[in-house]
Protein backbone atom coordinates (compact mmCIF):
# COMPACT_ATOMS: atom_id res chain seq x y z
CA UNK A 1 153.23 10.07 87.83
CA UNK A 2 150.87 12.75 89.14
CA UNK A 3 151.40 13.92 92.69
CA UNK A 4 148.64 14.04 95.31
CA UNK A 5 148.48 17.79 94.64
CA UNK A 6 147.89 17.28 90.91
CA UNK A 7 145.12 14.84 91.80
CA UNK A 8 143.53 17.49 94.04
CA UNK A 9 143.79 20.08 91.25
CA UNK A 10 142.17 17.68 88.75
CA UNK A 11 139.40 16.74 91.18
CA UNK A 12 140.45 13.09 91.49
CA UNK A 13 140.93 13.66 95.23
CA UNK A 14 138.40 15.85 97.06
CA UNK A 15 139.49 18.96 98.93
CA UNK A 16 137.86 21.85 100.75
CA UNK A 17 138.83 24.71 98.44
CA UNK A 18 139.13 28.18 99.92
CA UNK A 19 140.53 30.02 96.89
CA UNK A 20 141.15 29.26 93.23
CA UNK A 21 142.25 31.20 90.19
CA UNK A 22 143.69 30.25 86.79
CA UNK A 23 147.12 29.27 88.14
CA UNK A 24 146.72 28.52 91.87
CA UNK A 25 144.59 26.57 94.30
CA UNK A 26 144.23 26.99 98.07
CA UNK A 27 142.60 24.29 100.18
CA UNK A 28 142.37 23.22 103.80
CA UNK A 29 144.99 20.76 105.04
CA UNK A 30 143.64 17.27 105.78
CA UNK A 31 145.74 17.14 108.98
CA UNK A 32 145.79 20.74 110.13
CA UNK A 33 148.51 21.94 112.51
CA UNK A 34 146.22 24.80 113.53
CA UNK A 35 142.78 26.20 112.81
CA UNK A 36 142.59 27.43 109.21
CA UNK A 37 145.73 25.53 108.08
CA UNK A 38 145.62 26.12 104.32
CA UNK A 39 147.87 24.93 101.51
CA UNK A 40 148.41 27.21 98.50
CA UNK A 41 149.83 25.47 95.43
CA UNK A 42 150.46 26.14 91.76
CA UNK A 43 148.04 24.21 89.55
CA UNK A 44 150.87 23.18 87.24
CA UNK A 45 153.00 20.38 88.65
CA UNK A 46 156.69 21.09 89.30
CA UNK A 47 159.30 18.73 90.74
CA UNK A 48 160.20 21.04 93.63
CA UNK A 49 160.75 24.68 94.61
CA UNK A 50 163.87 24.87 92.43
CA UNK A 51 161.86 23.93 89.32
CA UNK A 52 159.00 26.43 89.68
CA UNK A 53 159.26 29.29 87.19
CA UNK A 54 159.50 32.69 88.93
CA UNK A 55 156.16 33.83 87.47
CA UNK A 56 154.35 30.77 88.87
CA UNK A 57 155.98 31.28 92.27
CA UNK A 58 154.86 34.91 92.24
CA UNK A 59 151.30 33.74 91.50
CA UNK A 60 151.44 31.39 94.50
CA UNK A 61 152.65 34.18 96.78
CA UNK A 62 149.92 36.56 95.58
CA UNK A 63 147.32 33.87 96.28
CA UNK A 64 148.91 33.11 99.68
CA UNK A 65 148.66 36.77 100.66
CA UNK A 66 145.03 36.93 99.54
CA UNK A 67 144.20 33.82 101.57
CA UNK A 68 146.19 35.09 104.58
CA UNK A 69 144.26 38.36 104.60
CA UNK A 70 140.95 36.48 104.53
CA UNK A 71 142.08 34.12 107.31
CA UNK A 72 143.19 37.10 109.39
CA UNK A 73 139.78 38.73 109.01
CA UNK A 74 137.81 35.58 109.79
CA UNK A 75 139.93 33.74 112.36
CA UNK A 76 141.94 36.61 113.88
CA UNK A 77 145.03 34.44 114.47
CA UNK A 78 148.08 35.57 116.47
CA UNK A 79 150.12 35.15 113.29
CA UNK A 80 150.37 33.42 109.94
CA UNK A 81 153.30 31.38 108.58
CA UNK A 82 154.35 30.82 104.99
């Protein structure tokens, strides 16, 4: 059964996308904890963190850094959490 994230990746559920490449997607959280709250996910579905191949996890972290740098430039937050 596809997760909510897979449905966002496929376009079944709308999302405000802020970054996308071949293997990752970053979009704004529907219930943000703070301004600019963004989720960065692999496009391929995995059961949990333990099941993500190292290469896919590295792709997510590269995308997270790219998004974090853009958020820093635009929003000038006190900090960013991963």
